[in-house]
């Protein structure tokens, strides 16, 4: 394997291992606000978390999953 091939392989691995989804998830989840002993009211008012997951309501998103931002409604 020549130097050019090794360089291309290295860059390909680097691009694959640094996916933008990981960075988004890291920046929008705060594990310190997760409280699995708490409870949420059972009302379905879906929110789309910054991680691209639809949660039953904002309480579930924040309390059980640590989501720091969301929009009202389901994710597309």
C-alpha atoms as a PDB file:
ATOM      1  CA  UNK A   1       0.000   0.000   0.000  1.00  0.00           C
ATOM      2  CA  UNK A   2       1.560   3.303  -1.035  1.00  0.00           C
ATOM      3  CA  UNK A   3       1.498   6.554   0.928  1.00  0.00           C
ATOM      4  CA  UNK A   4      -1.434   7.987  -1.061  1.00  0.00           C
ATOM      5  CA  UNK A   5      -3.578   4.900  -0.395  1.00  0.00           C
ATOM      6  CA  UNK A   6      -2.740   4.968   3.310  1.00  0.00           C
ATOM      7  CA  UNK A   7      -3.625   8.655   3.509  1.00  0.00           C
ATOM      8  CA  UNK A   8      -6.965   8.099   1.757  1.00  0.00           C
ATOM      9  CA  UNK A   9      -7.800   5.193   4.049  1.00  0.00           C
ATOM     10  CA  UNK A  10      -6.945   7.254   7.135  1.00  0.00           C
ATOM     11  CA  UNK A  11      -9.125  10.156   5.981  1.00  0.00           C
ATOM     12  CA  UNK A  12     -12.039   7.836   5.206  1.00  0.00           C
ATOM     13  CA  UNK A  13     -11.875   6.313   8.684  1.00  0.00           C
ATOM     14  CA  UNK A  14     -11.645   9.771  10.242  1.00  0.00           C
ATOM     15  CA  UNK A  15     -14.729  11.023   8.395  1.00  0.00           C
ATOM     16  CA  UNK A  16     -16.776   7.957   9.339  1.00  0.00           C
ATOM     17  CA  UNK A  17     -15.797   8.114  13.018  1.00  0.00           C
ATOM     18  CA  UNK A  18     -16.658  11.813  13.363  1.00  0.00           C
ATOM     19  CA  UNK A  19     -20.287  11.766  12.306  1.00  0.00           C
ATOM     20  CA  UNK A  20     -22.206  15.000  12.953  1.00  0.00           C
ATOM     21  CA  UNK A  21     -25.058  13.109  14.649  1.00  0.00           C
ATOM     22  CA  UNK A  22     -22.767  12.262  17.564  1.00  0.00           C
ATOM     23  CA  UNK A  23     -21.884  15.932  18.036  1.00  0.00           C
ATOM     24  CA  UNK A  24     -25.548  16.963  17.966  1.00  0.00           C
ATOM     25  CA  UNK A  25     -26.501  14.324  20.521  1.00  0.00           C
ATOM     26  CA  UNK A  26     -23.617  15.276  22.809  1.00  0.00           C
ATOM     27  CA  UNK A  27     -24.585  18.945  22.753  1.00  0.00           C
ATOM     28  CA  UNK A  28     -28.309  18.466  23.363  1.00  0.00           C
ATOM     29  CA  UNK A  29     -28.338  15.890  26.157  1.00  0.00           C
ATOM     30  CA  UNK A  30     -27.512  16.899  29.714  1.00  0.00           C
ATOM     31  CA  UNK A  31     -27.231  13.739  31.805  1.00  0.00           C
ATOM     32  CA  UNK A  32     -27.205  15.786  35.018  1.00  0.00           C
ATOM     33  CA  UNK A  33     -30.921  16.623  34.615  1.00  0.00           C
ATOM     34  CA  UNK A  34     -32.029  12.998  34.183  1.00  0.00           C
ATOM     35  CA  UNK A  35     -34.118  11.871  37.159  1.00  0.00           C
ATOM     36  CA  UNK A  36     -35.450   8.345  36.695  1.00  0.00           C
ATOM     37  CA  UNK A  37     -37.097   8.436  40.132  1.00  0.00           C
ATOM     38  CA  UNK A  38     -39.326  11.338  39.156  1.00  0.00           C
ATOM     39  CA  UNK A  39     -42.639  11.009  37.344  1.00  0.00           C
ATOM     40  CA  UNK A  40     -44.363  12.696  34.418  1.00  0.00           C
ATOM     41  CA  UNK A  41     -48.039  13.251  33.772  1.00  0.00           C
ATOM     42  CA  UNK A  42     -49.516  10.857  31.204  1.00  0.00           C
ATOM     43  CA  UNK A  43     -50.664  13.427  28.630  1.00  0.00           C
ATOM     44  CA  UNK A  44     -49.681  12.922  25.005  1.00  0.00           C
ATOM     45  CA  UNK A  45     -48.318  16.231  23.711  1.00  0.00           C
ATOM     46  CA  UNK A  46     -45.435  15.052  21.514  1.00  0.00           C
ATOM     47  CA  UNK A  47     -42.210  16.985  21.231  1.00  0.00           C
ATOM     48  CA  UNK A  48     -39.283  16.512  18.891  1.00  0.00           C
ATOM     49  CA  UNK A  49     -36.056  16.426  20.853  1.00  0.00           C
ATOM     50  CA  UNK A  50     -32.862  18.011  19.562  1.00  0.00           C
ATOM     51  CA  UNK A  51     -31.624  14.432  19.086  1.00  0.00           C
ATOM     52  CA  UNK A  52     -34.307  13.779  16.450  1.00  0.00           C
ATOM     53  CA  UNK A  53     -36.423  11.499  18.665  1.00  0.00           C
ATOM     54  CA  UNK A  54     -40.141  12.060  19.318  1.00  0.00           C
ATOM     55  CA  UNK A  55     -41.052  11.991  23.027  1.00  0.00           C
ATOM     56  CA  UNK A  56     -44.593  11.714  24.478  1.00  0.00           C
ATOM     57  CA  UNK A  57     -44.253  15.153  26.104  1.00  0.00           C
ATOM     58  CA  UNK A  58     -41.636  17.641  27.265  1.00  0.00           C
ATOM     59  CA  UNK A  59     -41.437  16.102  30.726  1.00  0.00           C
ATOM     60  CA  UNK A  60     -40.407  12.729  29.303  1.00  0.00           C
ATOM     61  CA  UNK A  61     -37.879  14.420  27.031  1.00  0.00           C
ATOM     62  CA  UNK A  62     -36.183  16.378  29.803  1.00  0.00           C
ATOM     63  CA  UNK A  63     -36.704  14.320  32.957  1.00  0.00           C
ATOM     64  CA  UNK A  64     -35.997  10.823  31.655  1.00  0.00           C
ATOM     65  CA  UNK A  65     -33.740  11.604  28.689  1.00  0.00           C
ATOM     66  CA  UNK A  66     -31.916  14.849  29.531  1.00  0.00           C
ATOM     67  CA  UNK A  67     -33.037  16.649  26.375  1.00  0.00           C
ATOM     68  CA  UNK A  68     -32.077  20.327  26.617  1.00  0.00           C
ATOM     69  CA  UNK A  69     -34.147  21.660  23.705  1.00  0.00           C
ATOM     70  CA  UNK A  70     -37.138  20.501  21.716  1.00  0.00           C
ATOM     71  CA  UNK A  71     -39.910  21.684  19.413  1.00  0.00           C
ATOM     72  CA  UNK A  72     -43.607  20.965  19.764  1.00  0.00           C
ATOM     73  CA  UNK A  73     -44.915  18.141  17.605  1.00  0.00           C
ATOM     74  CA  UNK A  74     -43.465  14.915  16.281  1.00  0.00           C
ATOM     75  CA  UNK A  75     -40.151  14.647  14.484  1.00  0.00           C
ATOM     76  CA  UNK A  76     -40.262  14.217  10.717  1.00  0.00           C
END
